[in-house]
């Protein structure tokens, strides 16, 4: 089998600033994730230039969860700021989940989030990004793991709400 070495993306040109939201929708396998990896400088480029100014937060399709408490997974080694933590869990629609966990935000999550649902893993990863207070947010289809009502709430409260003054790129295969 011959490996296809043709570029996945061609002639991409855009400029975004603070408070800009870019939605990228397309079928699976059309280069949406590759676009985000290019912004993160994780792809081979055959030409062109890119400039990324500011701190970047990336929320991947398969959320990274480590063995530790919910709070530790959200703060990710940063000093706990209770106000920012609360705003992050509100934006990610995690309030009721945390209330229902045995020890709230101090509940220990197993390796790779074995004892929580896929939607909870996605929302914890989203809350971590919000908590990081980055300048640029790259979201790789984080709403696909939650039901449509929760996805709508996250879009309104997080992307259009908490992150309204940030640069956000949201890629999805659904609209």
N, C-alpha and C. Protein backbone atom coordinates (compact mmCIF):
# COMPACT_ATOMS: atom_id res chain seq x y z
N UNK A 1 0.84 -1.17 0.00
CA UNK A 1 0.00 0.00 0.00
C UNK A 1 0.89 1.24 0.00
N UNK A 2 0.63 2.16 -0.89
CA UNK A 2 1.41 3.39 -1.01
C UNK A 2 0.80 4.45 -0.11
N UNK A 3 1.65 5.05 0.70
CA UNK A 3 1.19 6.10 1.61
C UNK A 3 0.94 7.38 0.83
N UNK A 4 -0.22 7.97 1.05
CA UNK A 4 -0.58 9.24 0.40
C UNK A 4 0.14 10.38 1.12
N UNK A 5 1.01 11.07 0.41
CA UNK A 5 1.77 12.16 1.02
C UNK A 5 1.27 13.53 0.58
N UNK A 6 0.11 13.57 -0.07
CA UNK A 6 -0.42 14.86 -0.49
C UNK A 6 -0.92 15.64 0.73
N UNK A 7 -0.82 16.94 0.71
CA UNK A 7 -1.24 17.75 1.86
C UNK A 7 -2.72 17.56 2.19
N UNK A 8 -3.00 17.54 3.48
CA UNK A 8 -4.37 17.43 3.94
C UNK A 8 -5.08 18.77 3.78
N UNK A 9 -4.37 19.84 4.06
CA UNK A 9 -4.92 21.19 3.97
C UNK A 9 -4.13 22.00 2.95
N UNK A 10 -4.83 22.80 2.18
CA UNK A 10 -4.20 23.66 1.19
C UNK A 10 -4.82 25.06 1.23
N UNK A 11 -3.97 26.05 1.00
CA UNK A 11 -4.45 27.42 0.84
C UNK A 11 -5.34 27.89 1.99
N UNK A 12 -4.92 27.63 3.23
CA UNK A 12 -5.66 28.08 4.41
C UNK A 12 -5.11 29.43 4.81
N UNK A 13 -5.99 30.40 4.96
CA UNK A 13 -5.57 31.75 5.32
C UNK A 13 -6.65 32.38 6.18
N UNK A 14 -6.31 32.69 7.42
CA UNK A 14 -7.25 33.41 8.27
C UNK A 14 -6.50 34.13 9.37
N UNK A 15 -7.17 35.13 9.91
CA UNK A 15 -6.62 35.91 11.00
C UNK A 15 -7.73 36.13 12.01
N UNK A 16 -7.44 35.85 13.28
CA UNK A 16 -8.42 36.02 14.33
C UNK A 16 -7.83 36.86 15.44
N UNK A 17 -8.68 37.53 16.16
CA UNK A 17 -8.23 38.33 17.28
C UNK A 17 -9.05 38.01 18.52
N UNK A 18 -8.81 38.74 19.60
CA UNK A 18 -9.59 38.53 20.82
C UNK A 18 -11.08 38.70 20.51
N UNK A 19 -11.90 37.93 21.16
CA UNK A 19 -13.36 37.94 21.01
C UNK A 19 -13.85 37.35 19.70
N UNK A 20 -12.96 36.78 18.88
CA UNK A 20 -13.38 36.16 17.62
C UNK A 20 -13.72 34.69 17.86
N UNK A 21 -14.76 34.24 17.17
CA UNK A 21 -15.17 32.84 17.22
C UNK A 21 -15.19 32.32 15.80
N UNK A 22 -14.45 31.22 15.58
CA UNK A 22 -14.43 30.56 14.28
C UNK A 22 -14.99 29.16 14.46
N UNK A 23 -16.07 28.85 13.72
CA UNK A 23 -16.64 27.52 13.72
C UNK A 23 -16.21 26.82 12.44
N UNK A 24 -15.67 25.63 12.57
CA UNK A 24 -15.24 24.84 11.43
C UNK A 24 -16.02 23.54 11.48
N UNK A 25 -16.88 23.33 10.48
CA UNK A 25 -17.69 22.12 10.44
C UNK A 25 -17.38 21.34 9.17
N UNK A 26 -17.41 20.05 9.28
CA UNK A 26 -17.16 19.21 8.11
C UNK A 26 -17.26 17.74 8.47
N UNK A 27 -17.30 16.93 7.46
CA UNK A 27 -17.37 15.49 7.66
C UNK A 27 -16.09 14.98 8.34
N UNK A 28 -16.22 13.81 8.90
CA UNK A 28 -15.07 13.15 9.53
C UNK A 28 -14.00 12.91 8.46
N UNK A 29 -12.74 13.24 8.80
CA UNK A 29 -11.63 13.00 7.89
C UNK A 29 -11.35 14.12 6.91
N UNK A 30 -11.93 15.29 7.15
CA UNK A 30 -11.74 16.40 6.20
C UNK A 30 -10.66 17.39 6.62
N UNK A 31 -9.94 17.12 7.72
CA UNK A 31 -8.82 17.97 8.11
C UNK A 31 -9.08 18.94 9.24
N UNK A 32 -10.19 18.82 9.91
CA UNK A 32 -10.52 19.75 11.00
C UNK A 32 -9.50 19.65 12.15
N UNK A 33 -9.23 18.43 12.57
CA UNK A 33 -8.25 18.22 13.65
C UNK A 33 -6.86 18.61 13.17
N UNK A 34 -6.54 18.34 11.93
CA UNK A 34 -5.24 18.73 11.38
C UNK A 34 -5.07 20.25 11.42
N UNK A 35 -6.14 20.98 11.18
CA UNK A 35 -6.08 22.44 11.28
C UNK A 35 -5.67 22.85 12.70
N UNK A 36 -6.29 22.25 13.70
CA UNK A 36 -5.93 22.57 15.09
C UNK A 36 -4.50 22.16 15.39
N UNK A 37 -4.09 20.97 14.93
CA UNK A 37 -2.71 20.53 15.14
C UNK A 37 -1.73 21.47 14.46
N UNK A 38 -2.10 22.03 13.33
CA UNK A 38 -1.24 23.00 12.63
C UNK A 38 -1.06 24.26 13.47
N UNK A 39 -2.14 24.71 14.07
CA UNK A 39 -2.06 25.89 14.94
C UNK A 39 -1.16 25.60 16.12
N UNK A 40 -1.22 24.38 16.63
CA UNK A 40 -0.37 23.96 17.75
C UNK A 40 1.05 23.63 17.32
N UNK A 41 1.33 23.75 16.02
CA UNK A 41 2.63 23.43 15.44
C UNK A 41 2.98 21.96 15.63
N UNK A 42 1.99 21.09 15.47
CA UNK A 42 2.17 19.66 15.62
C UNK A 42 2.03 18.92 14.29
N UNK A 43 2.16 19.62 13.18
CA UNK A 43 2.09 18.99 11.86
C UNK A 43 3.29 19.41 11.03
N UNK A 44 3.52 18.68 9.97
CA UNK A 44 4.57 19.04 9.02
C UNK A 44 3.95 20.00 8.02
N UNK A 45 4.59 21.14 7.86
CA UNK A 45 4.09 22.13 6.91
C UNK A 45 5.03 22.17 5.71
N UNK A 46 4.45 22.22 4.54
CA UNK A 46 5.25 22.26 3.31
C UNK A 46 5.48 23.68 2.83
N UNK A 47 4.86 24.64 3.51
CA UNK A 47 5.04 26.03 3.12
C UNK A 47 4.16 26.92 3.96
N UNK A 48 4.34 28.21 3.77
CA UNK A 48 3.51 29.17 4.49
C UNK A 48 4.07 29.54 5.84
N UNK A 49 3.37 30.42 6.50
CA UNK A 49 3.77 30.87 7.82
C UNK A 49 2.56 30.90 8.73
N UNK A 50 2.84 30.90 9.99
CA UNK A 50 1.78 31.05 10.98
C UNK A 50 2.33 31.81 12.17
N UNK A 51 1.47 32.57 12.79
CA UNK A 51 1.82 33.29 14.00
C UNK A 51 0.70 33.09 15.01
N UNK A 52 1.05 32.62 16.17
CA UNK A 52 0.09 32.44 17.25
C UNK A 52 0.61 33.27 18.42
N UNK A 53 -0.19 34.24 18.83
CA UNK A 53 0.22 35.13 19.91
C UNK A 53 -0.68 34.90 21.12
N UNK A 54 -0.08 34.47 22.20
CA UNK A 54 -0.82 34.27 23.43
C UNK A 54 -0.81 32.83 23.88
N UNK A 55 -1.38 32.62 25.03
CA UNK A 55 -1.46 31.30 25.65
C UNK A 55 -2.61 30.53 25.02
N UNK A 56 -2.35 29.27 24.68
CA UNK A 56 -3.33 28.44 23.98
C UNK A 56 -3.81 27.31 24.90
N UNK A 57 -5.13 27.09 24.91
CA UNK A 57 -5.73 25.94 25.59
C UNK A 57 -6.34 25.05 24.52
N UNK A 58 -6.08 23.75 24.62
CA UNK A 58 -6.57 22.80 23.62
C UNK A 58 -7.44 21.75 24.31
N UNK A 59 -8.64 21.57 23.82
CA UNK A 59 -9.54 20.53 24.31
C UNK A 59 -9.68 19.51 23.20
N UNK A 60 -9.13 18.33 23.43
CA UNK A 60 -9.07 17.29 22.42
C UNK A 60 -10.35 16.47 22.35
N UNK A 61 -10.47 15.68 21.28
CA UNK A 61 -11.63 14.81 21.10
C UNK A 61 -11.72 13.76 22.21
N UNK A 62 -10.60 13.19 22.56
CA UNK A 62 -10.53 12.20 23.64
C UNK A 62 -9.91 12.89 24.84
N UNK A 63 -10.73 13.33 25.80
CA UNK A 63 -10.23 14.13 26.92
C UNK A 63 -9.15 13.41 27.73
N UNK A 64 -8.14 14.17 28.11
CA UNK A 64 -7.09 13.66 28.98
C UNK A 64 -7.54 13.81 30.43
N UNK A 65 -7.66 12.70 31.12
CA UNK A 65 -8.02 12.70 32.54
C UNK A 65 -6.97 11.86 33.25
N UNK A 66 -6.47 12.36 34.37
CA UNK A 66 -5.48 11.60 35.13
C UNK A 66 -6.07 11.17 36.46
N UNK A 67 -5.44 10.22 37.10
CA UNK A 67 -5.89 9.74 38.39
C UNK A 67 -5.63 10.82 39.43
N UNK A 68 -6.68 11.38 39.95
CA UNK A 68 -6.63 12.47 40.92
C UNK A 68 -8.05 12.94 41.15
N UNK A 69 -8.21 13.98 41.92
CA UNK A 69 -9.55 14.49 42.20
C UNK A 69 -10.09 15.27 41.00
N UNK A 70 -11.39 15.49 41.03
CA UNK A 70 -12.01 16.33 40.00
C UNK A 70 -11.34 17.70 40.01
N UNK A 71 -11.17 18.27 41.19
CA UNK A 71 -10.55 19.60 41.30
C UNK A 71 -9.14 19.60 40.74
N UNK A 72 -8.35 18.57 41.02
CA UNK A 72 -6.99 18.50 40.50
C UNK A 72 -6.98 18.38 38.98
N UNK A 73 -7.94 17.66 38.43
CA UNK A 73 -8.04 17.54 36.97
C UNK A 73 -8.41 18.86 36.32
N UNK A 74 -9.12 19.70 37.04
CA UNK A 74 -9.51 21.01 36.49
C UNK A 74 -8.41 22.05 36.69
N UNK A 75 -7.84 22.11 37.88
CA UNK A 75 -6.80 23.13 38.14
C UNK A 75 -5.48 22.75 37.49
N UNK A 76 -5.24 21.47 37.29
CA UNK A 76 -4.09 20.96 36.54
C UNK A 76 -2.76 21.55 37.03
N UNK A 77 -2.55 21.49 38.34
CA UNK A 77 -1.29 21.94 38.92
C UNK A 77 -1.22 23.42 39.22
N UNK A 78 -2.25 24.15 38.86
CA UNK A 78 -2.27 25.58 39.16
C UNK A 78 -2.82 25.80 40.56
N UNK A 79 -2.52 26.93 41.14
CA UNK A 79 -3.03 27.29 42.46
C UNK A 79 -4.55 27.41 42.37
N UNK A 80 -5.25 26.86 43.36
CA UNK A 80 -6.70 26.92 43.39
C UNK A 80 -7.19 28.35 43.60
N UNK A 81 -8.00 28.80 42.67
CA UNK A 81 -8.70 30.08 42.78
C UNK A 81 -10.18 29.70 42.79
N UNK A 82 -10.82 29.78 43.95
CA UNK A 82 -12.19 29.27 44.10
C UNK A 82 -13.18 29.97 43.18
N UNK A 83 -13.02 31.26 42.97
CA UNK A 83 -13.92 31.99 42.09
C UNK A 83 -13.77 31.52 40.64
N UNK A 84 -12.54 31.39 40.19
CA UNK A 84 -12.29 30.91 38.82
C UNK A 84 -12.72 29.46 38.67
N UNK A 85 -12.50 28.65 39.71
CA UNK A 85 -12.93 27.25 39.69
C UNK A 85 -14.44 27.16 39.52
N UNK A 86 -15.17 27.93 40.31
CA UNK A 86 -16.63 27.90 40.23
C UNK A 86 -17.11 28.37 38.86
N UNK A 87 -16.51 29.42 38.34
CA UNK A 87 -16.87 29.92 37.01
C UNK A 87 -16.59 28.85 35.94
N UNK A 88 -15.51 28.11 36.11
CA UNK A 88 -15.15 27.06 35.15
C UNK A 88 -16.14 25.91 35.17
N UNK A 89 -16.52 25.47 36.37
CA UNK A 89 -17.48 24.36 36.42
C UNK A 89 -18.87 24.80 35.97
N UNK A 90 -19.21 26.07 36.21
CA UNK A 90 -20.48 26.58 35.71
C UNK A 90 -20.48 26.62 34.19
N UNK A 91 -19.42 27.13 33.60
CA UNK A 91 -19.34 27.23 32.14
C UNK A 91 -19.39 25.86 31.48
N UNK A 92 -18.78 24.87 32.11
CA UNK A 92 -18.73 23.51 31.56
C UNK A 92 -19.94 22.66 31.95
N UNK A 93 -20.89 23.28 32.62
CA UNK A 93 -22.12 22.57 33.01
C UNK A 93 -21.82 21.35 33.89
N UNK A 94 -20.93 21.54 34.87
CA UNK A 94 -20.53 20.45 35.76
C UNK A 94 -21.12 20.54 37.16
N UNK A 95 -21.89 21.60 37.45
CA UNK A 95 -22.35 21.82 38.83
C UNK A 95 -23.09 20.62 39.39
N UNK A 96 -24.10 20.13 38.66
CA UNK A 96 -24.91 19.03 39.20
C UNK A 96 -24.09 17.74 39.31
N UNK A 97 -23.15 17.53 38.41
CA UNK A 97 -22.30 16.34 38.50
C UNK A 97 -21.47 16.37 39.78
N UNK A 98 -20.89 17.52 40.07
CA UNK A 98 -20.04 17.63 41.25
C UNK A 98 -20.86 17.46 42.52
N UNK A 99 -22.06 18.03 42.54
CA UNK A 99 -22.95 17.87 43.69
C UNK A 99 -23.29 16.40 43.91
N UNK A 100 -23.48 15.64 42.83
CA UNK A 100 -23.89 14.24 42.93
C UNK A 100 -22.73 13.27 43.16
N UNK A 101 -21.48 13.73 43.04
CA UNK A 101 -20.34 12.86 43.31
C UNK A 101 -20.18 12.65 44.80
N UNK A 102 -19.68 11.51 45.21
CA UNK A 102 -19.59 11.15 46.62
C UNK A 102 -18.85 12.18 47.47
N UNK A 103 -17.77 12.74 46.96
CA UNK A 103 -16.99 13.74 47.70
C UNK A 103 -16.91 15.06 46.95
N UNK A 104 -17.90 15.33 46.11
CA UNK A 104 -17.91 16.58 45.36
C UNK A 104 -16.66 16.72 44.50
N UNK A 105 -16.08 17.90 44.49
CA UNK A 105 -14.88 18.16 43.69
C UNK A 105 -13.66 17.42 44.22
N UNK A 106 -13.75 16.87 45.42
CA UNK A 106 -12.66 16.09 45.99
C UNK A 106 -12.77 14.60 45.68
N UNK A 107 -13.74 14.23 44.87
CA UNK A 107 -13.89 12.83 44.45
C UNK A 107 -12.71 12.45 43.57
N UNK A 108 -12.12 11.30 43.86
CA UNK A 108 -10.99 10.82 43.08
C UNK A 108 -11.50 10.14 41.81
N UNK A 109 -10.92 10.55 40.71
CA UNK A 109 -11.22 9.96 39.41
C UNK A 109 -10.16 8.92 39.11
N UNK A 110 -10.58 7.77 38.64
CA UNK A 110 -9.63 6.72 38.29
C UNK A 110 -8.85 7.07 37.03
N UNK A 111 -7.81 6.29 36.77
CA UNK A 111 -6.96 6.48 35.59
C UNK A 111 -7.80 6.59 34.33
N UNK A 112 -7.56 7.61 33.53
CA UNK A 112 -8.27 7.91 32.29
C UNK A 112 -9.77 8.10 32.48
N UNK A 113 -10.18 8.42 33.71
CA UNK A 113 -11.59 8.70 33.96
C UNK A 113 -12.47 7.48 33.95
N UNK A 114 -11.92 6.34 34.37
CA UNK A 114 -12.63 5.06 34.31
C UNK A 114 -13.96 5.09 35.06
N UNK A 115 -14.08 5.87 36.13
CA UNK A 115 -15.28 5.85 36.95
C UNK A 115 -16.23 7.03 36.69
N UNK A 116 -16.04 7.72 35.56
CA UNK A 116 -16.97 8.78 35.17
C UNK A 116 -17.38 8.60 33.71
N UNK A 117 -18.46 9.22 33.32
CA UNK A 117 -18.96 9.05 31.95
C UNK A 117 -18.12 9.83 30.94
N UNK A 118 -18.31 9.51 29.67
CA UNK A 118 -17.61 10.24 28.61
C UNK A 118 -17.98 11.71 28.60
N UNK A 119 -19.24 12.01 28.86
CA UNK A 119 -19.67 13.41 28.92
C UNK A 119 -19.03 14.15 30.08
N UNK A 120 -18.88 13.48 31.22
CA UNK A 120 -18.21 14.10 32.36
C UNK A 120 -16.74 14.33 32.07
N UNK A 121 -16.09 13.38 31.41
CA UNK A 121 -14.68 13.56 31.04
C UNK A 121 -14.53 14.78 30.12
N UNK A 122 -15.42 14.88 29.13
CA UNK A 122 -15.37 16.00 28.19
C UNK A 122 -15.57 17.33 28.91
N UNK A 123 -16.50 17.35 29.85
CA UNK A 123 -16.79 18.61 30.56
C UNK A 123 -15.70 18.98 31.56
N UNK A 124 -15.05 17.98 32.16
CA UNK A 124 -13.91 18.27 33.04
C UNK A 124 -12.77 18.85 32.21
N UNK A 125 -12.53 18.29 31.05
CA UNK A 125 -11.49 18.82 30.15
C UNK A 125 -11.82 20.25 29.72
N UNK A 126 -13.07 20.50 29.44
CA UNK A 126 -13.52 21.84 29.07
C UNK A 126 -13.35 22.81 30.25
N UNK A 127 -13.72 22.37 31.45
CA UNK A 127 -13.55 23.21 32.64
C UNK A 127 -12.06 23.52 32.87
N UNK A 128 -11.19 22.54 32.62
CA UNK A 128 -9.74 22.76 32.76
C UNK A 128 -9.28 23.86 31.82
N UNK A 129 -9.76 23.83 30.58
CA UNK A 129 -9.38 24.86 29.61
C UNK A 129 -9.85 26.23 30.07
N UNK A 130 -11.09 26.32 30.51
CA UNK A 130 -11.63 27.60 30.99
C UNK A 130 -10.82 28.09 32.19
N UNK A 131 -10.51 27.18 33.11
CA UNK A 131 -9.74 27.54 34.30
C UNK A 131 -8.36 28.08 33.95
N UNK A 132 -7.78 27.60 32.85
CA UNK A 132 -6.43 28.01 32.46
C UNK A 132 -6.34 29.48 32.07
N UNK A 133 -7.48 30.10 31.77
CA UNK A 133 -7.53 31.52 31.40
C UNK A 133 -6.57 31.83 30.25
N UNK A 134 -6.68 31.03 29.20
CA UNK A 134 -5.83 31.21 28.02
C UNK A 134 -6.35 32.38 27.18
N UNK A 135 -5.57 32.73 26.17
CA UNK A 135 -5.98 33.77 25.22
C UNK A 135 -6.70 33.17 24.02
N UNK A 136 -6.31 31.93 23.68
CA UNK A 136 -6.83 31.24 22.50
C UNK A 136 -7.30 29.86 22.93
N UNK A 137 -8.51 29.49 22.50
CA UNK A 137 -9.08 28.19 22.83
C UNK A 137 -9.32 27.40 21.56
N UNK A 138 -8.76 26.20 21.51
CA UNK A 138 -8.95 25.30 20.38
C UNK A 138 -9.79 24.12 20.86
N UNK A 139 -10.98 23.99 20.34
CA UNK A 139 -11.90 22.94 20.75
C UNK A 139 -12.11 21.94 19.63
N UNK A 140 -11.71 20.70 19.87
CA UNK A 140 -11.85 19.65 18.87
C UNK A 140 -13.08 18.80 19.20
N UNK A 141 -14.21 19.27 18.77
CA UNK A 141 -15.50 18.58 18.89
C UNK A 141 -15.82 18.15 20.32
N UNK A 142 -15.69 19.04 21.30
CA UNK A 142 -15.93 18.65 22.69
C UNK A 142 -17.40 18.42 23.01
N UNK A 143 -18.29 18.88 22.15
CA UNK A 143 -19.72 18.77 22.44
C UNK A 143 -20.32 17.45 21.96
N UNK A 144 -19.54 16.66 21.23
CA UNK A 144 -20.07 15.40 20.69
C UNK A 144 -20.30 14.36 21.78
N UNK A 145 -19.66 14.51 22.94
CA UNK A 145 -19.78 13.53 24.02
C UNK A 145 -20.94 13.82 24.97
N UNK A 146 -21.66 14.92 24.73
CA UNK A 146 -22.76 15.28 25.62
C UNK A 146 -24.07 15.32 24.83
N UNK A 147 -25.18 15.25 25.55
CA UNK A 147 -26.46 15.26 24.86
C UNK A 147 -26.74 16.67 24.31
N UNK A 148 -27.65 16.78 23.33
CA UNK A 148 -27.88 18.07 22.66
C UNK A 148 -28.26 19.22 23.60
N UNK A 149 -29.03 18.95 24.64
CA UNK A 149 -29.42 20.01 25.57
C UNK A 149 -28.21 20.55 26.33
N UNK A 150 -27.35 19.66 26.80
CA UNK A 150 -26.13 20.07 27.51
C UNK A 150 -25.19 20.78 26.54
N UNK A 151 -25.06 20.26 25.32
CA UNK A 151 -24.21 20.90 24.31
C UNK A 151 -24.67 22.33 24.05
N UNK A 152 -25.97 22.53 23.95
CA UNK A 152 -26.52 23.87 23.74
C UNK A 152 -26.19 24.78 24.91
N UNK A 153 -26.33 24.27 26.13
CA UNK A 153 -26.01 25.06 27.33
C UNK A 153 -24.53 25.41 27.38
N UNK A 154 -23.67 24.45 27.04
CA UNK A 154 -22.23 24.71 27.03
C UNK A 154 -21.90 25.76 25.98
N UNK A 155 -22.51 25.64 24.81
CA UNK A 155 -22.24 26.62 23.76
C UNK A 155 -22.62 28.02 24.22
N UNK A 156 -23.79 28.15 24.84
CA UNK A 156 -24.25 29.47 25.29
C UNK A 156 -23.46 29.98 26.49
N UNK A 157 -23.32 29.14 27.51
CA UNK A 157 -22.71 29.59 28.77
C UNK A 157 -21.18 29.67 28.73
N UNK A 158 -20.57 28.78 27.97
CA UNK A 158 -19.11 28.73 27.93
C UNK A 158 -18.56 29.50 26.73
N UNK A 159 -18.87 29.02 25.54
CA UNK A 159 -18.26 29.58 24.33
C UNK A 159 -18.74 31.00 24.07
N UNK A 160 -20.06 31.21 24.15
CA UNK A 160 -20.60 32.57 23.92
C UNK A 160 -20.63 33.40 25.20
N UNK A 161 -20.46 32.76 26.35
CA UNK A 161 -20.53 33.45 27.64
C UNK A 161 -19.18 33.68 28.27
N UNK A 162 -18.70 32.67 29.00
CA UNK A 162 -17.44 32.80 29.75
C UNK A 162 -16.25 33.14 28.86
N UNK A 163 -16.26 32.66 27.62
CA UNK A 163 -15.12 32.89 26.72
C UNK A 163 -15.40 33.96 25.66
N UNK A 164 -16.40 34.77 25.86
CA UNK A 164 -16.80 35.76 24.85
C UNK A 164 -15.71 36.77 24.51
N UNK A 165 -14.76 36.98 25.41
CA UNK A 165 -13.68 37.94 25.15
C UNK A 165 -12.38 37.23 24.74
N UNK A 166 -12.48 35.96 24.41
CA UNK A 166 -11.32 35.15 24.02
C UNK A 166 -11.45 34.75 22.57
N UNK A 167 -10.35 34.38 21.97
CA UNK A 167 -10.35 33.83 20.62
C UNK A 167 -10.65 32.34 20.73
N UNK A 168 -11.71 31.89 20.03
CA UNK A 168 -12.13 30.49 20.13
C UNK A 168 -12.26 29.91 18.73
N UNK A 169 -11.67 28.73 18.53
CA UNK A 169 -11.88 27.97 17.31
C UNK A 169 -12.53 26.65 17.73
N UNK A 170 -13.73 26.42 17.23
CA UNK A 170 -14.49 25.22 17.54
C UNK A 170 -14.66 24.42 16.26
N UNK A 171 -14.13 23.19 16.26
CA UNK A 171 -14.34 22.32 15.11
C UNK A 171 -15.34 21.23 15.49
N UNK A 172 -16.18 20.87 14.54
CA UNK A 172 -17.20 19.86 14.80
C UNK A 172 -17.58 19.18 13.49
N UNK A 173 -18.13 17.99 13.62
CA UNK A 173 -18.67 17.31 12.45
C UNK A 173 -20.18 17.44 12.40
N UNK A 174 -20.73 18.18 13.35
CA UNK A 174 -22.18 18.38 13.40
C UNK A 174 -22.49 19.84 13.69
N UNK A 175 -23.62 20.27 13.23
CA UNK A 175 -24.11 21.62 13.55
C UNK A 175 -25.53 21.56 14.00
